[in-house]
Protein backbone atom coordinates (compact mmCIF):
# COMPACT_ATOMS: atom_id res chain seq x y z
CA UNK A 1 0.10 0.02 0.53
CA UNK A 2 2.97 2.44 0.67
CA UNK A 3 3.80 1.61 -2.67
CA UNK A 4 0.52 3.01 -4.00
CA UNK A 5 0.45 6.29 -1.43
CA UNK A 6 4.01 7.46 -3.68
CA UNK A 7 2.13 6.73 -6.74
CA UNK A 8 -0.35 8.40 -5.90
CA UNK A 9 1.23 11.70 -4.82
CA UNK A 10 2.89 11.68 -8.65
CA UNK A 11 -0.71 12.44 -9.52
CA UNK A 12 -0.99 14.82 -6.69
CA UNK A 13 2.06 16.87 -6.94
CA UNK A 14 1.16 17.15 -10.98
CA UNK A 15 4.07 15.39 -11.83
CA UNK A 16 1.36 13.64 -13.45
CA UNK A 17 -0.56 15.78 -16.08
CA UNK A 18 -2.95 15.91 -18.27
CA UNK A 19 -6.84 13.60 -17.72
CA UNK A 20 -6.11 11.30 -20.26
CA UNK A 21 -2.56 10.86 -19.05
CA UNK A 22 -3.60 10.70 -15.55
CA UNK A 23 -6.04 8.55 -16.28
CA UNK A 24 -3.76 5.79 -17.89
CA UNK A 25 -1.30 5.95 -15.15
CA UNK A 26 -3.67 5.03 -12.95
CA UNK A 27 -4.70 2.07 -14.43
CA UNK A 28 -1.16 0.81 -14.27
CA UNK A 29 -0.92 1.75 -10.77
CA UNK A 30 -3.85 -0.40 -9.92
CA UNK A 31 -2.44 -2.72 -11.87
CA UNK A 32 1.01 -2.98 -10.38
CA UNK A 33 -0.79 -2.77 -6.90
CA UNK A 34 -2.87 -6.05 -7.72
CA UNK A 35 -0.02 -7.79 -8.69
CA UNK A 36 1.86 -7.28 -5.00
CA UNK A 37 -0.92 -8.55 -3.25
CA UNK A 38 0.23 -11.95 -2.16
CA UNK A 39 -1.11 -12.22 1.34
CA UNK A 40 -5.28 -12.23 0.10
CA UNK A 41 -6.52 -15.74 0.82
CA UNK A 42 -10.01 -15.13 -0.43
CA UNK A 43 -10.76 -12.99 -3.38
CA UNK A 44 -13.60 -11.23 -1.35
CA UNK A 45 -10.04 -9.99 0.76
CA UNK A 46 -8.24 -9.53 -2.34
CA UNK A 47 -11.66 -7.20 -3.46
CA UNK A 48 -11.68 -5.58 -0.25
CA UNK A 49 -7.52 -4.69 -1.21
CA UNK A 50 -8.42 -3.08 -4.47
CA UNK A 51 -11.40 -0.65 -2.79
CA UNK A 52 -9.15 0.71 -0.61
CA UNK A 53 -6.41 1.27 -3.38
CA UNK A 54 -9.31 2.59 -5.77
CA UNK A 55 -10.33 4.92 -2.87
CA UNK A 56 -6.43 6.41 -2.48
CA UNK A 57 -6.11 7.11 -6.69
CA UNK A 58 -9.62 8.47 -6.33
CA UNK A 59 -8.37 10.70 -3.91
CA UNK A 60 -5.17 11.61 -5.92
CA UNK A 61 -6.64 14.82 -7.56
CA UNK A 62 -9.91 16.27 -7.78
CA UNK A 63 -11.80 16.83 -11.10
CA UNK A 64 -10.30 13.92 -12.46
CA UNK A 65 -13.62 11.99 -14.11
CA UNK A 66 -11.87 9.67 -16.53
CA UNK A 67 -9.65 8.36 -13.60
CA UNK A 68 -12.64 7.33 -11.69
CA UNK A 69 -14.49 6.00 -14.78
CA UNK A 70 -11.65 3.90 -15.59
CA UNK A 71 -11.37 2.53 -11.83
CA UNK A 72 -14.91 1.91 -11.46
CA UNK A 73 -15.18 0.13 -14.82
CA UNK A 74 -11.62 -2.16 -14.02
CA UNK A 75 -13.23 -3.21 -10.43
CA UNK A 76 -17.07 -3.20 -11.83
CA UNK A 77 -15.66 -6.22 -14.18
CA UNK A 78 -13.81 -7.62 -11.94
CA UNK A 79 -16.99 -8.38 -9.37
CA UNK A 80 -18.83 -9.41 -11.94
CA UNK A 81 -16.47 -12.01 -12.65
CA UNK A 82 -15.32 -13.31 -9.37
CA UNK A 83 -17.15 -16.40 -9.13
CA UNK A 84 -15.53 -17.88 -11.93
CA UNK A 85 -11.85 -16.49 -11.16
CA UNK A 86 -9.60 -17.05 -7.95
CA UNK A 87 -7.33 -14.68 -6.18
CA UNK A 88 -4.45 -15.76 -8.16
CA UNK A 89 -5.92 -15.05 -11.21
CA UNK A 90 -7.12 -11.66 -10.69
CA UNK A 91 -4.10 -9.45 -11.67
CA UNK A 92 -4.15 -11.15 -15.07
CA UNK A 93 -8.25 -10.16 -14.99
CA UNK A 94 -7.03 -6.70 -13.95
CA UNK A 95 -4.77 -6.09 -17.00
CA UNK A 96 -7.28 -7.55 -19.38
CA UNK A 97 -9.79 -4.57 -18.30
CA UNK A 98 -6.88 -2.11 -17.69
CA UNK A 99 -5.94 -2.51 -21.36
CA UNK A 100 -9.57 -2.62 -22.16
CA UNK A 101 -10.29 1.05 -20.95
CA UNK A 102 -7.26 2.31 -22.67
CA UNK A 103 -8.32 0.88 -26.22
CA UNK A 104 -11.51 2.69 -24.85
CA UNK A 105 -9.82 6.12 -24.50
CA UNK A 106 -7.72 5.74 -27.70
CA UNK A 107 -11.05 5.04 -30.02
CA UNK A 108 -12.93 7.78 -28.32
CA UNK A 109 -10.48 10.46 -28.97
CA UNK A 110 -10.13 8.74 -32.87
CA UNK A 111 -14.01 9.00 -33.44
CA UNK A 112 -14.44 12.79 -31.74
CA UNK A 113 -11.50 13.55 -34.30
CA UNK A 114 -13.38 12.28 -37.40
CA UNK A 115 -17.00 13.77 -35.55
CA UNK A 116 -14.90 17.17 -34.99
CA UNK A 117 -13.23 18.11 -37.97
CA UNK A 118 -16.67 17.56 -40.14
CA UNK A 119 -17.45 21.44 -37.68
CA UNK A 120 -14.77 22.50 -39.75
CA UNK A 121 -15.84 24.03 -42.81
CA UNK A 122 -14.03 23.83 -46.40
CA UNK A 123 -13.30 27.05 -47.09
CA UNK A 124 -11.04 28.45 -50.22
CA UNK A 125 -6.95 29.18 -49.22
CA UNK A 126 -7.98 32.95 -49.77
CA UNK A 127 -10.35 33.19 -47.38
CA UNK A 128 -10.21 32.80 -43.61
CA UNK A 129 -11.27 31.18 -41.46
CA UNK A 130 -10.00 31.31 -37.96
CA UNK A 131 -11.13 28.47 -34.87
CA UNK A 132 -9.72 29.74 -30.97
CA UNK A 133 -8.84 27.38 -28.39
CA UNK A 134 -7.91 27.52 -24.47
CA UNK A 135 -4.69 25.85 -22.93
CA UNK A 136 -4.17 22.00 -24.18
CA UNK A 137 -6.41 19.19 -25.28
CA UNK A 138 -4.89 16.44 -26.66
CA UNK A 139 -8.45 15.48 -27.99
CA UNK A 140 -9.08 19.37 -29.47
CA UNK A 141 -5.58 19.05 -31.11
CA UNK A 142 -6.78 15.78 -32.34
CA UNK A 143 -9.68 17.67 -34.57
CA UNK A 144 -7.66 20.08 -35.87
CA UNK A 145 -4.90 17.87 -36.72
CA UNK A 146 -7.36 15.66 -38.52
CA UNK A 147 -9.03 18.30 -40.71
CA UNK A 148 -5.48 19.33 -41.41
CA UNK A 149 -4.65 15.86 -43.30
CA UNK A 150 -8.43 16.25 -44.87
CA UNK A 151 -6.34 19.79 -46.46
CA UNK A 152 -8.44 22.09 -44.90
CA UNK A 153 -7.52 25.50 -44.40
CA UNK A 154 -7.45 27.65 -41.07
CA UNK A 155 -5.78 29.30 -38.56
CA UNK A 156 -5.69 28.98 -35.05
CA UNK A 157 -5.95 31.56 -32.18
CA UNK A 158 -4.37 30.32 -28.69
CA UNK A 159 -3.47 30.95 -25.36
CA UNK A 160 -0.73 30.97 -23.26
CA UNK A 161 -2.58 29.57 -20.27
CA UNK A 162 -1.40 31.05 -17.20
CA UNK A 163 0.64 30.28 -14.50
CA UNK A 164 1.90 26.36 -15.96
CA UNK A 165 1.78 27.88 -20.35
CA UNK A 166 0.18 24.57 -21.62
CA UNK A 167 -1.04 26.67 -24.63
CA UNK A 168 2.96 26.31 -25.74
CA UNK A 169 2.49 22.66 -26.06
CA UNK A 170 -0.68 23.49 -28.49
CA UNK A 171 1.17 25.81 -30.48
CA UNK A 172 3.82 23.64 -31.15
CA UNK A 173 1.70 20.52 -32.06
CA UNK A 174 0.15 22.67 -34.44
CA UNK A 175 2.81 24.65 -35.54
CA UNK A 176 4.79 21.32 -36.19
CA UNK A 177 1.75 19.97 -38.43
CA UNK A 178 1.82 22.95 -40.18
CA UNK A 179 -1.28 24.94 -39.13
CA UNK A 180 -0.49 28.87 -38.46
CA UNK A 181 -0.89 29.99 -34.89
CA UNK A 182 -1.76 32.87 -33.43
CA UNK A 183 -0.24 32.91 -29.65
CA UNK A 184 -2.41 35.65 -27.09
CA UNK A 185 -1.98 35.99 -23.27
CA UNK A 186 -4.60 35.15 -21.63
CA UNK A 187 -6.49 38.47 -20.75
CA UNK A 188 -6.52 39.32 -24.55
CA UNK A 189 -9.03 36.71 -25.46
CA UNK A 190 -11.82 39.10 -26.26
CA UNK A 191 -9.52 41.43 -28.36
CA UNK A 192 -8.00 38.41 -29.85
CA UNK A 193 -12.16 37.43 -30.71
CA UNK A 194 -12.86 40.75 -31.99
CA UNK A 195 -9.44 41.81 -33.86
CA UNK A 196 -9.46 38.17 -35.81
CA UNK A 197 -13.22 37.75 -36.52
CA UNK A 198 -13.25 34.30 -34.94
CA UNK A 199 -15.77 31.73 -36.58
CA UNK A 200 -15.53 28.89 -34.36
CA UNK A 201 -14.14 28.61 -30.44
CA UNK A 202 -13.50 24.75 -29.63
CA UNK A 203 -11.94 23.92 -26.16
CA UNK A 204 -11.66 20.32 -24.08
CA UNK A 205 -13.13 19.36 -20.91
CA UNK A 206 -11.98 18.13 -17.57
CA UNK A 207 -15.07 16.80 -16.08
CA UNK A 208 -18.72 17.57 -17.43
CA UNK A 209 -21.73 17.30 -14.66
CA UNK A 210 -25.45 15.97 -15.26
CA UNK A 211 -26.98 18.92 -15.91
CA UNK A 212 -24.26 19.68 -18.84
CA UNK A 213 -22.32 22.23 -17.34
CA UNK A 214 -18.48 21.58 -18.33
CA UNK A 215 -15.44 21.87 -16.15
CA UNK A 216 -12.19 23.20 -17.82
CA UNK A 217 -9.24 25.50 -17.31
CA UNK A 218 -9.89 28.52 -15.90
CA UNK A 219 -10.20 31.27 -17.89
CA UNK A 220 -13.12 28.54 -20.01
CA UNK A 221 -15.80 30.83 -19.04
CA UNK A 222 -14.23 34.13 -19.81
CA UNK A 223 -14.01 32.91 -23.23
CA UNK A 224 -17.61 31.11 -23.87
CA UNK A 225 -19.15 34.42 -21.98
CA UNK A 226 -16.84 36.60 -25.21
CA UNK A 227 -18.49 33.80 -27.54
CA UNK A 228 -21.83 35.00 -26.31
CA UNK A 229 -21.48 38.54 -27.08
CA UNK A 230 -20.14 38.20 -30.58
CA UNK A 231 -22.23 35.34 -31.33
CA UNK A 232 -19.59 32.01 -31.89
CA UNK A 233 -20.00 28.94 -32.00
CA UNK A 234 -18.39 27.33 -29.04
CA UNK A 235 -18.39 23.83 -29.15
CA UNK A 236 -16.59 21.25 -26.36
CA UNK A 237 -14.94 18.36 -27.33
CA UNK A 238 -14.82 15.38 -24.81
CA UNK A 239 -14.77 12.06 -24.38
CA UNK A 240 -17.99 10.80 -22.31
CA UNK A 241 -15.65 9.18 -19.85
CA UNK A 242 -15.02 12.67 -18.40
CA UNK A 243 -18.26 12.74 -17.54
CA UNK A 244 -19.45 12.27 -13.87
CA UNK A 245 -22.54 9.93 -12.80
CA UNK A 246 -22.19 11.36 -9.32
CA UNK A 247 -23.70 14.38 -9.94
CA UNK A 248 -26.76 12.82 -10.75
CA UNK A 249 -27.22 12.05 -7.09
CA UNK A 250 -26.43 15.46 -6.47
CA UNK A 251 -22.44 15.30 -5.55
CA UNK A 252 -21.26 18.41 -6.63
CA UNK A 253 -18.02 18.70 -8.75
CA UNK A 254 -14.51 19.92 -6.81
CA UNK A 255 -12.99 22.69 -7.76
CA UNK A 256 -9.05 22.30 -7.60
CA UNK A 257 -7.39 24.75 -6.01
CA UNK A 258 -3.26 24.58 -7.07
CA UNK A 259 0.38 25.78 -5.26
CA UNK A 260 0.27 29.48 -4.61
CA UNK A 261 3.61 29.22 -5.45
CA UNK A 262 2.85 28.67 -9.51
CA UNK A 263 1.89 32.45 -9.62
CA UNK A 264 4.23 33.97 -7.14
CA UNK A 265 7.20 32.75 -5.21
CA UNK A 266 8.04 34.53 -1.81
CA UNK A 267 5.36 36.99 -2.21
CA UNK A 268 5.23 39.55 -0.01
CA UNK A 269 3.95 39.46 3.50
CA UNK A 270 0.30 39.85 3.86
CA UNK A 271 -1.19 38.45 0.54
CA UNK A 272 -3.53 35.95 -0.20
CA UNK A 273 -2.67 33.99 -3.38
CA UNK A 274 -5.94 31.95 -5.07
CA UNK A 275 -5.02 29.62 -7.85
CA UNK A 276 -8.03 27.97 -9.00
CA UNK A 277 -7.06 25.23 -11.48
CA UNK A 278 -10.52 25.20 -13.26
CA UNK A 279 -13.41 26.92 -12.92
CA UNK A 280 -17.50 25.85 -14.62
CA UNK A 281 -18.94 26.78 -18.26
CA UNK A 282 -22.60 26.37 -18.14
CA UNK A 283 -24.48 24.39 -20.60
CA UNK A 284 -26.44 27.99 -21.83
CA UNK A 285 -23.31 29.09 -23.67
CA UNK A 286 -21.56 25.57 -25.67
CA UNK A 287 -23.34 25.56 -28.39
CA UNK A 288 -22.97 21.12 -28.60
CA UNK A 289 -20.53 18.82 -27.36
CA UNK A 290 -18.60 16.48 -29.84
CA UNK A 291 -18.14 13.10 -28.38
CA UNK A 292 -17.41 9.52 -29.57
CA UNK A 293 -21.06 9.41 -29.43
CA UNK A 294 -21.60 12.21 -31.07
CA UNK A 295 -22.34 16.19 -31.56
CA UNK A 296 -25.21 16.88 -28.97
CA UNK A 297 -26.80 19.31 -26.50
CA UNK A 298 -24.47 18.84 -23.68
CA UNK A 299 -27.67 18.32 -21.16
CA UNK A 300 -27.93 14.88 -22.91
CA UNK A 301 -24.74 13.79 -21.56
CA UNK A 302 -26.23 11.74 -18.70
CA UNK A 303 -28.44 9.47 -20.93
CA UNK A 304 -25.20 9.01 -23.90
CA UNK A 305 -23.03 7.70 -20.77
CA UNK A 306 -25.37 5.15 -19.62
CA UNK A 307 -26.13 4.31 -23.08
CA UNK A 308 -22.62 3.88 -24.10
CA UNK A 309 -20.70 3.13 -20.62
CA UNK A 310 -23.10 0.64 -18.57
CA UNK A 311 -20.51 -0.60 -16.82
CA UNK A 312 -18.91 2.72 -15.63
CA UNK A 313 -22.58 3.37 -13.17
CA UNK A 314 -22.07 2.37 -10.35
């Protein structure tokens, strides 16, 4: 258990970042923990230890539903199979379902890239099409790279994303693919939308609630309000695996507060520094979710999740 706690700390400390990356590492940590369990005499005892491990990984960081859904998927599958497998073969079964979850994530991102690229219209090379995004989302860049492969012509405005500057990762990935990038500071969002007459705003998500509210990097709501004010379509691209089914039972998704030192090391005495990692974007500002299940209003997320992933609902 001590090794698992050290592994979980790698998630808590932000050594491991990115919702998909965090989820995949958590799957690996659970699998490695299961392989180390040699003192369980019964299947029930084994399952109890796995539940303890799940709780530790659940609490490694808030606002990580892809992690929680993956762990629920593995353990729910194991529980259904417990009468047909003994504790000696549990590690192999966990490894099997872990790999299935990884495949789900990969396929969902491929599918979203295909669906999302259809929302980017064809324009002539002498015409301007401008897309804006915020922070870094592998799902969003997947859509943009797929559209580029299809020969679509567009440029992208992206934000630097303070304080950890994840927007630079987005810029580098797009530039390497030959996509024109305009990089702006976060506080220039509204200015950029106006100046460059942005046609589409596309962001990712770290979590989705049952009522269709999206949680994403701080600054996302500001961009959504700008889109609403300027009548620019605002889309959220995300796997349904980032839906938090617990929110349908009244549980409120938590906003992660990160280390103030990210903003200001050694500040003067008497200053309180707040560093929220995420914020909410109401469904009223979202023109559509782009997911592996298709394109639909964010208020339909619970139905679509239950339909596609029944094994992740407790």
